[in-house]
Amino acid sequence: MTIQVVHSAFGPKQVRQLKEVYERARAVEAKYPESHIASKAAKRLIAAFEAVIQTDGTVLDVHWLSEADPQGNA
């Protein structure tokens, strides 16, 4: 997840929440076998976080971040 991009679209509290969701998804993926439903869901979530970032660290399309309207608790 590119912090510069996230900071431009969200505030510090939302950034912390997104980082926590990402880190917990990574922990779930590591804890369960690949065939487990929780691991599959975690992989999809991680892929969604990492989809906008190319291997060289540049951001592809962040338009969806500016349209996001997070509400409630993750």
C-alpha atoms as a PDB file:
ATOM      1  CA  MET A   1       0.000   0.000   0.000  1.00  0.00           C
ATOM      2  CA  THR A   2       1.456   3.372  -0.968  1.00  0.00           C
ATOM      3  CA  ILE A   3       1.203   5.653   2.036  1.00  0.00           C
ATOM      4  CA  GLN A   4       1.550   8.867  -0.018  1.00  0.00           C
ATOM      5  CA  VAL A   5      -1.507   8.000  -2.078  1.00  0.00           C
ATOM      6  CA  VAL A   6      -3.541   6.911   0.915  1.00  0.00           C
ATOM      7  CA  HIS A   7      -2.694  10.056   2.878  1.00  0.00           C
ATOM      8  CA  SER A   8      -3.960  12.232   0.041  1.00  0.00           C
ATOM      9  CA  ALA A   9      -7.341  10.467   0.059  1.00  0.00           C
ATOM     10  CA  PHE A  10      -7.789   9.626   3.760  1.00  0.00           C
ATOM     11  CA  GLY A  11      -6.924  11.062   7.123  1.00  0.00           C
ATOM     12  CA  PRO A  12      -4.468   9.558   9.621  1.00  0.00           C
ATOM     13  CA  LYS A  13      -7.138   7.540  11.435  1.00  0.00           C
ATOM     14  CA  GLN A  14      -8.377   5.919   8.225  1.00  0.00           C
ATOM     15  CA  VAL A  15      -4.803   5.187   7.156  1.00  0.00           C
ATOM     16  CA  ARG A  16      -4.167   3.398  10.464  1.00  0.00           C
ATOM     17  CA  GLN A  17      -7.368   1.391  10.025  1.00  0.00           C
ATOM     18  CA  LEU A  18      -6.455   0.384   6.475  1.00  0.00           C
ATOM     19  CA  LYS A  19      -2.963  -0.641   7.570  1.00  0.00           C
ATOM     20  CA  GLU A  20      -4.461  -2.724  10.382  1.00  0.00           C
ATOM     21  CA  VAL A  21      -6.836  -4.480   7.971  1.00  0.00           C
ATOM     22  CA  TYR A  22      -3.950  -5.183   5.596  1.00  0.00           C
ATOM     23  CA  GLU A  23      -1.675  -6.501   8.356  1.00  0.00           C
ATOM     24  CA  ARG A  24      -4.414  -8.738   9.767  1.00  0.00           C
ATOM     25  CA  ALA A  25      -5.128 -10.139   6.318  1.00  0.00           C
ATOM     26  CA  ARG A  26      -1.425 -10.959   5.970  1.00  0.00           C
ATOM     27  CA  ALA A  27      -1.501 -12.707   9.368  1.00  0.00           C
ATOM     28  CA  VAL A  28      -4.572 -14.751   8.400  1.00  0.00           C
ATOM     29  CA  GLU A  29      -2.958 -15.753   5.115  1.00  0.00           C
ATOM     30  CA  ALA A  30       0.140 -16.937   6.989  1.00  0.00           C
ATOM     31  CA  LYS A  31      -1.827 -18.785   9.672  1.00  0.00           C
ATOM     32  CA  TYR A  32      -4.171 -20.892   7.557  1.00  0.00           C
ATOM     33  CA  PRO A  33      -3.440 -23.335   4.739  1.00  0.00           C
ATOM     34  CA  GLU A  34      -3.942 -22.110   1.186  1.00  0.00           C
ATOM     35  CA  SER A  35      -7.122 -24.162   0.767  1.00  0.00           C
ATOM     36  CA  HIS A  36      -8.831 -22.654   3.841  1.00  0.00           C
ATOM     37  CA  ILE A  37     -11.676 -20.197   3.164  1.00  0.00           C
ATOM     38  CA  ALA A  38     -10.137 -17.558   5.468  1.00  0.00           C
ATOM     39  CA  SER A  39      -6.844 -17.762   3.592  1.00  0.00           C
ATOM     40  CA  LYS A  40      -8.627 -17.381   0.265  1.00  0.00           C
ATOM     41  CA  ALA A  41     -10.508 -14.308   1.518  1.00  0.00           C
ATOM     42  CA  ALA A  42      -7.310 -12.827   2.933  1.00  0.00           C
ATOM     43  CA  LYS A  43      -5.544 -13.320  -0.407  1.00  0.00           C
ATOM     44  CA  ARG A  44      -8.311 -11.439  -2.216  1.00  0.00           C
ATOM     45  CA  LEU A  45      -8.150  -8.597   0.279  1.00  0.00           C
ATOM     46  CA  ILE A  46      -4.374  -8.378   0.035  1.00  0.00           C
ATOM     47  CA  ALA A  47      -4.620  -8.408  -3.755  1.00  0.00           C
ATOM     48  CA  ALA A  48      -7.064  -5.506  -3.605  1.00  0.00           C
ATOM     49  CA  PHE A  49      -4.656  -3.494  -1.461  1.00  0.00           C
ATOM     50  CA  GLU A  50      -1.696  -4.259  -3.700  1.00  0.00           C
ATOM     51  CA  ALA A  51      -3.464  -3.966  -7.065  1.00  0.00           C
ATOM     52  CA  VAL A  52      -2.823  -0.246  -7.515  1.00  0.00           C
ATOM     53  CA  ILE A  53       0.925  -0.586  -6.925  1.00  0.00           C
ATOM     54  CA  GLN A  54       3.292  -1.682  -9.673  1.00  0.00           C
ATOM     55  CA  THR A  55       6.435  -3.673  -8.864  1.00  0.00           C
ATOM     56  CA  ASP A  56       8.582  -0.542  -9.150  1.00  0.00           C
ATOM     57  CA  GLY A  57       6.439   1.206  -6.525  1.00  0.00           C
ATOM     58  CA  THR A  58       4.603   3.572  -8.832  1.00  0.00           C
ATOM     59  CA  VAL A  59       0.870   3.899  -8.532  1.00  0.00           C
ATOM     60  CA  LEU A  60      -1.409   2.861 -11.380  1.00  0.00           C
ATOM     61  CA  ASP A  61      -4.923   4.237 -10.932  1.00  0.00           C
ATOM     62  CA  VAL A  62      -5.869   5.796  -7.613  1.00  0.00           C
ATOM     63  CA  HIS A  63      -9.088   7.427  -8.791  1.00  0.00           C
ATOM     64  CA  TRP A  64     -11.107   4.895  -6.762  1.00  0.00           C
ATOM     65  CA  LEU A  65      -9.366   6.080  -3.572  1.00  0.00           C
ATOM     66  CA  SER A  66     -10.674   9.612  -3.963  1.00  0.00           C
ATOM     67  CA  GLU A  67     -14.205   8.282  -4.429  1.00  0.00           C
ATOM     68  CA  ALA A  68     -14.119   6.008  -1.385  1.00  0.00           C
ATOM     69  CA  ASP A  69     -16.352   6.994   1.490  1.00  0.00           C
ATOM     70  CA  PRO A  70     -15.438   4.709   4.412  1.00  0.00           C
ATOM     71  CA  GLN A  71     -18.017   4.555   7.157  1.00  0.00           C
ATOM     72  CA  GLY A  72     -18.240   2.470  10.307  1.00  0.00           C
ATOM     73  CA  ASN A  73     -15.588   0.183  11.680  1.00  0.00           C
ATOM     74  CA  ALA A  74     -13.460  -2.308   9.783  1.00  0.00           C
END
